Protein backbone atom coordinates (compact mmCIF):
# COMPACT_ATOMS: atom_id res chain seq x y z
CA MET A 1 30.83 -59.21 -50.99
CA ARG A 2 29.83 -62.67 -52.09
CA GLY A 3 28.04 -64.90 -49.62
CA TRP A 4 26.51 -62.00 -47.71
CA ARG A 5 22.78 -61.78 -47.19
CA ILE A 6 21.30 -59.15 -49.53
CA VAL A 7 18.03 -57.51 -48.55
CA GLY A 8 16.06 -55.06 -50.72
CA VAL A 9 15.25 -51.76 -49.02
CA LEU A 10 14.04 -48.34 -50.09
CA MET A 11 16.89 -45.99 -49.26
CA MET A 12 18.01 -42.50 -50.15
CA GLY A 13 19.92 -42.38 -53.40
CA ALA A 14 23.66 -42.12 -53.79
CA MET A 15 25.17 -39.81 -51.21
CA GLY A 16 24.38 -36.37 -52.61
CA THR A 17 21.34 -36.89 -54.83
CA GLY A 18 18.62 -36.86 -52.19
CA GLN A 19 16.35 -38.93 -54.46
CA ALA A 20 14.79 -42.13 -53.18
CA GLN A 21 15.58 -45.20 -55.23
CA GLU A 22 15.53 -48.96 -54.89
CA THR A 23 18.90 -50.25 -53.83
CA ARG A 24 20.31 -53.19 -51.92
CA ALA A 25 21.58 -53.35 -48.37
CA ILE A 26 24.26 -55.88 -47.50
CA LYS A 27 23.47 -57.12 -44.02
CA LEU A 28 26.67 -57.58 -42.05
CA PRO A 29 27.16 -60.43 -39.57
CA PRO A 30 26.43 -59.41 -35.95
CA PRO A 31 29.56 -57.89 -34.39
CA GLY A 32 31.59 -60.08 -32.09
CA THR A 33 31.73 -57.97 -28.95
CA ALA A 34 33.37 -60.49 -26.62
CA GLY A 35 37.08 -61.10 -26.21
CA GLY A 36 39.79 -59.15 -27.98
CA MET A 37 43.04 -57.73 -26.69
CA PRO A 38 43.02 -55.91 -23.31
CA LEU A 39 42.88 -52.14 -23.79
CA MET A 40 46.34 -51.36 -22.44
CA GLN A 41 47.90 -53.97 -24.71
CA ALA A 42 46.01 -52.57 -27.70
CA LEU A 43 47.28 -49.08 -26.89
CA LYS A 44 50.83 -50.42 -26.66
CA ALA A 45 50.44 -52.22 -30.01
CA ARG A 46 48.76 -49.34 -31.87
CA HIS A 47 50.84 -48.03 -34.78
CA SER A 48 50.59 -46.94 -38.43
CA THR A 49 51.57 -49.23 -41.31
CA ARG A 50 51.80 -48.41 -45.01
CA GLU A 51 52.35 -51.88 -46.44
CA PHE A 52 49.43 -54.26 -46.91
CA ALA A 53 48.83 -57.79 -48.15
CA GLY A 54 46.23 -58.03 -50.90
CA LYS A 55 44.12 -60.55 -48.98
CA PRO A 56 40.55 -59.21 -48.52
CA LEU A 57 39.01 -58.91 -45.09
CA PRO A 58 36.43 -61.62 -44.28
CA PRO A 59 32.85 -60.43 -43.69
CA GLN A 60 33.06 -61.03 -39.93
CA VAL A 61 36.24 -58.96 -39.61
CA LEU A 62 34.69 -56.15 -41.64
CA ALA A 63 31.55 -56.30 -39.52
CA ASP A 64 33.53 -56.10 -36.29
CA LEU A 65 35.74 -53.30 -37.65
CA LEU A 66 32.82 -51.11 -38.73
CA TRP A 67 30.94 -51.68 -35.49
CA ALA A 68 34.07 -50.72 -33.54
CA ALA A 69 34.41 -47.61 -35.71
CA SER A 70 30.94 -46.19 -35.27
CA GLY A 71 28.45 -48.95 -34.53
CA VAL A 72 25.44 -48.75 -32.23
CA ASN A 73 26.44 -49.88 -28.75
CA ARG A 74 23.28 -48.64 -26.98
CA PRO A 75 20.30 -49.88 -28.97
CA ASP A 76 17.78 -48.10 -26.73
CA THR A 77 19.13 -44.68 -27.80
CA GLY A 78 20.95 -45.51 -31.04
CA GLN A 79 24.14 -44.01 -29.66
CA ARG A 80 27.44 -45.30 -30.87
CA THR A 81 30.92 -46.51 -30.01
CA ALA A 82 32.41 -43.11 -30.92
CA PRO A 83 31.22 -39.84 -29.32
CA SER A 84 29.56 -37.19 -31.46
CA ALA A 85 29.24 -33.50 -30.62
CA HIS A 86 25.61 -32.64 -29.81
CA ASP A 87 24.79 -36.21 -30.88
CA TRP A 88 24.75 -34.91 -34.47
CA ARG A 89 26.09 -38.24 -35.85
CA GLU A 90 27.28 -36.27 -38.84
CA ILE A 91 30.11 -38.57 -39.92
CA ASP A 92 29.41 -41.27 -42.51
CA VAL A 93 31.89 -44.12 -42.82
CA ILE A 94 32.35 -45.18 -46.44
CA ALA A 95 34.01 -48.56 -47.02
CA VAL A 96 35.87 -48.57 -50.34
CA THR A 97 36.87 -52.01 -51.63
CA ALA A 98 37.79 -53.54 -54.98
CA ASP A 99 34.06 -54.18 -55.53
CA GLY A 100 32.77 -50.65 -54.93
CA ALA A 101 32.06 -48.05 -52.27
CA TYR A 102 29.56 -48.71 -49.48
CA ARG A 103 28.14 -46.48 -46.77
CA TYR A 104 28.01 -48.13 -43.36
CA ASP A 105 24.55 -47.76 -41.82
CA PRO A 106 24.97 -48.15 -38.03
CA PRO A 107 21.24 -48.54 -37.10
CA THR A 108 20.87 -51.58 -39.38
CA HIS A 109 24.52 -52.70 -39.24
CA SER A 110 24.56 -52.97 -43.01
CA LEU A 111 26.31 -51.58 -46.08
CA ILE A 112 24.59 -49.45 -48.71
CA LYS A 113 26.32 -49.31 -52.09
CA VAL A 114 26.98 -45.73 -53.20
CA ALA A 115 29.35 -46.27 -56.13
CA ALA A 116 30.41 -49.13 -58.38
CA GLY A 117 33.93 -50.00 -59.45
CA ASP A 118 37.29 -49.93 -57.72
CA LEU A 119 37.72 -46.42 -56.32
CA ARG A 120 40.59 -47.30 -53.99
CA PRO A 121 43.19 -45.32 -56.01
CA LEU A 122 41.09 -42.19 -55.48
CA THR A 123 41.15 -42.49 -51.68
CA GLY A 124 44.67 -41.07 -51.37
CA VAL A 125 47.77 -39.96 -53.22
CA GLN A 126 50.16 -42.67 -51.99
CA ASP A 127 50.63 -45.80 -54.11
CA PHE A 128 49.74 -48.20 -51.32
CA VAL A 129 46.10 -47.08 -51.08
CA ALA A 130 45.26 -48.94 -54.29
CA ALA A 131 46.63 -52.19 -52.83
CA ALA A 132 45.02 -52.00 -49.39
CA PRO A 133 41.90 -54.21 -49.44
CA LEU A 134 39.87 -51.61 -47.55
CA ASN A 135 39.98 -47.84 -47.46
CA LEU A 136 37.61 -46.10 -45.07
CA VAL A 137 36.54 -42.61 -46.09
CA TYR A 138 35.05 -40.33 -43.42
CA VAL A 139 32.48 -37.92 -44.80
CA ALA A 140 30.89 -35.11 -42.79
CA ASP A 141 27.29 -34.18 -43.59
CA PHE A 142 27.05 -30.55 -42.50
CA ASP A 143 23.27 -30.55 -42.92
CA ARG A 144 23.03 -32.72 -39.80
CA MET A 145 24.81 -30.11 -37.70
CA GLY A 146 21.87 -27.75 -37.28
CA GLU A 147 22.59 -24.05 -37.03
CA ALA A 148 26.27 -24.43 -36.15
CA GLY A 149 28.57 -21.92 -37.85
CA ALA A 150 31.07 -22.90 -40.50
CA ALA A 151 34.02 -22.87 -38.06
CA ASP A 152 32.20 -25.11 -35.58
CA LYS A 153 31.15 -27.51 -38.32
CA ALA A 154 34.75 -27.83 -39.48
CA PHE A 155 36.09 -28.22 -35.93
CA TYR A 156 33.56 -30.71 -34.59
CA SER A 157 33.43 -32.85 -37.72
CA ALA A 158 37.22 -33.18 -37.62
CA THR A 159 37.13 -34.01 -33.91
CA ASP A 160 34.37 -36.61 -34.33
CA THR A 161 36.27 -38.19 -37.21
CA GLY A 162 39.32 -38.48 -34.98
CA PHE A 163 37.34 -40.48 -32.42
CA ILE A 164 36.19 -42.93 -35.10
CA ALA A 165 39.66 -43.27 -36.60
CA GLN A 166 41.14 -44.05 -33.19
CA ASN A 167 38.50 -46.73 -32.62
CA VAL A 168 39.64 -48.28 -35.90
CA TYR A 169 43.28 -48.09 -34.80
CA LEU A 170 42.53 -49.88 -31.53
CA TYR A 171 40.44 -52.56 -33.21
CA CYS A 172 43.21 -53.18 -35.75
CA ALA A 173 45.81 -53.43 -32.98
CA SER A 174 43.63 -56.00 -31.23
CA ALA A 175 42.93 -57.96 -34.43
CA GLY A 176 46.47 -57.91 -35.82
CA LEU A 177 45.57 -55.73 -38.81
CA ALA A 178 47.66 -53.08 -40.54
CA VAL A 179 46.21 -49.56 -40.59
CA VAL A 180 47.10 -45.94 -41.31
CA VAL A 181 45.00 -42.77 -41.26
CA ARG A 182 45.58 -40.26 -44.06
CA GLY A 183 44.75 -36.66 -44.83
CA LEU A 184 46.26 -36.45 -48.34
CA VAL A 185 43.18 -37.02 -50.50
CA ASP A 186 42.00 -35.43 -53.74
CA ARG A 187 38.69 -34.50 -52.15
CA GLU A 188 37.21 -33.08 -55.34
CA ALA A 189 37.87 -36.19 -57.44
CA LEU A 190 36.84 -38.66 -54.76
CA GLY A 191 33.79 -36.62 -53.81
CA ALA A 192 32.62 -36.61 -57.43
CA ALA A 193 33.12 -40.38 -57.69
CA LEU A 194 31.08 -40.89 -54.51
CA GLY A 195 28.35 -38.50 -55.64
CA LEU A 196 28.77 -36.17 -52.68
CA GLY A 197 26.71 -32.99 -52.39
CA LYS A 198 27.85 -29.48 -51.48
CA HIS A 199 26.80 -30.09 -47.86
CA GLN A 200 29.23 -33.02 -47.54
CA ARG A 201 32.99 -32.98 -47.06
CA ILE A 202 35.63 -35.71 -46.95
CA ILE A 203 37.60 -35.31 -43.71
CA LEU A 204 40.07 -38.21 -43.68
CA SER A 205 40.72 -41.64 -45.17
CA GLN A 206 42.10 -44.72 -43.43
CA SER A 207 43.64 -47.79 -45.07
CA VAL A 208 43.14 -51.20 -43.45
CA GLY A 209 44.31 -54.70 -44.31
CA TYR A 210 46.50 -57.57 -43.25
CA PRO A 211 50.21 -56.83 -42.78
CA ALA A 212 52.28 -57.28 -45.92
CA ALA A 213 54.06 -60.33 -44.47
CA THR A 214 50.71 -62.17 -44.23
CA ARG A 215 49.96 -64.31 -47.28
């Protein structure tokens, strides 16, 4: 995270605490929304990869990736690149790197640190997750889903996560990155490490990095 502009803000505390505390927001570079691979080529190139080079993603690539995942593409309404049932916006994207875990905040296009230390091994059960420079964790906040029943909360949060994960797949295809989405996660252990509350649930994780042949 070095070299990024740090701005002090008063935010809600780590994911499940609900207590306000002073923390730091890492302001991401503005997303590059021009260029990229044509859609049909990106769809043709889209695939899963489970081998990653250890090279970290530069800030601009991370900024573009997170904006593609669930960034604000209509500033007048705050709506995003991925659809959300009832506009609940219930899915948080957590970026887990060697430096810590950070919640992506779409309205400010910034990262809010939610946990220190390298939690990458907790984001999945396969060995490669600890080597991937970035693991995205998709967390549903059921409190944002109003009076929906338990079945609807489970269904729509899974569906909305799928939209975000596919955005990440298409961005990675366009940018030449390796990526794989994963459902095998020790949700209890990772949730505890992230400080999640009872109203929050990990839906999926997704590993991202440069292909293993890239050095």
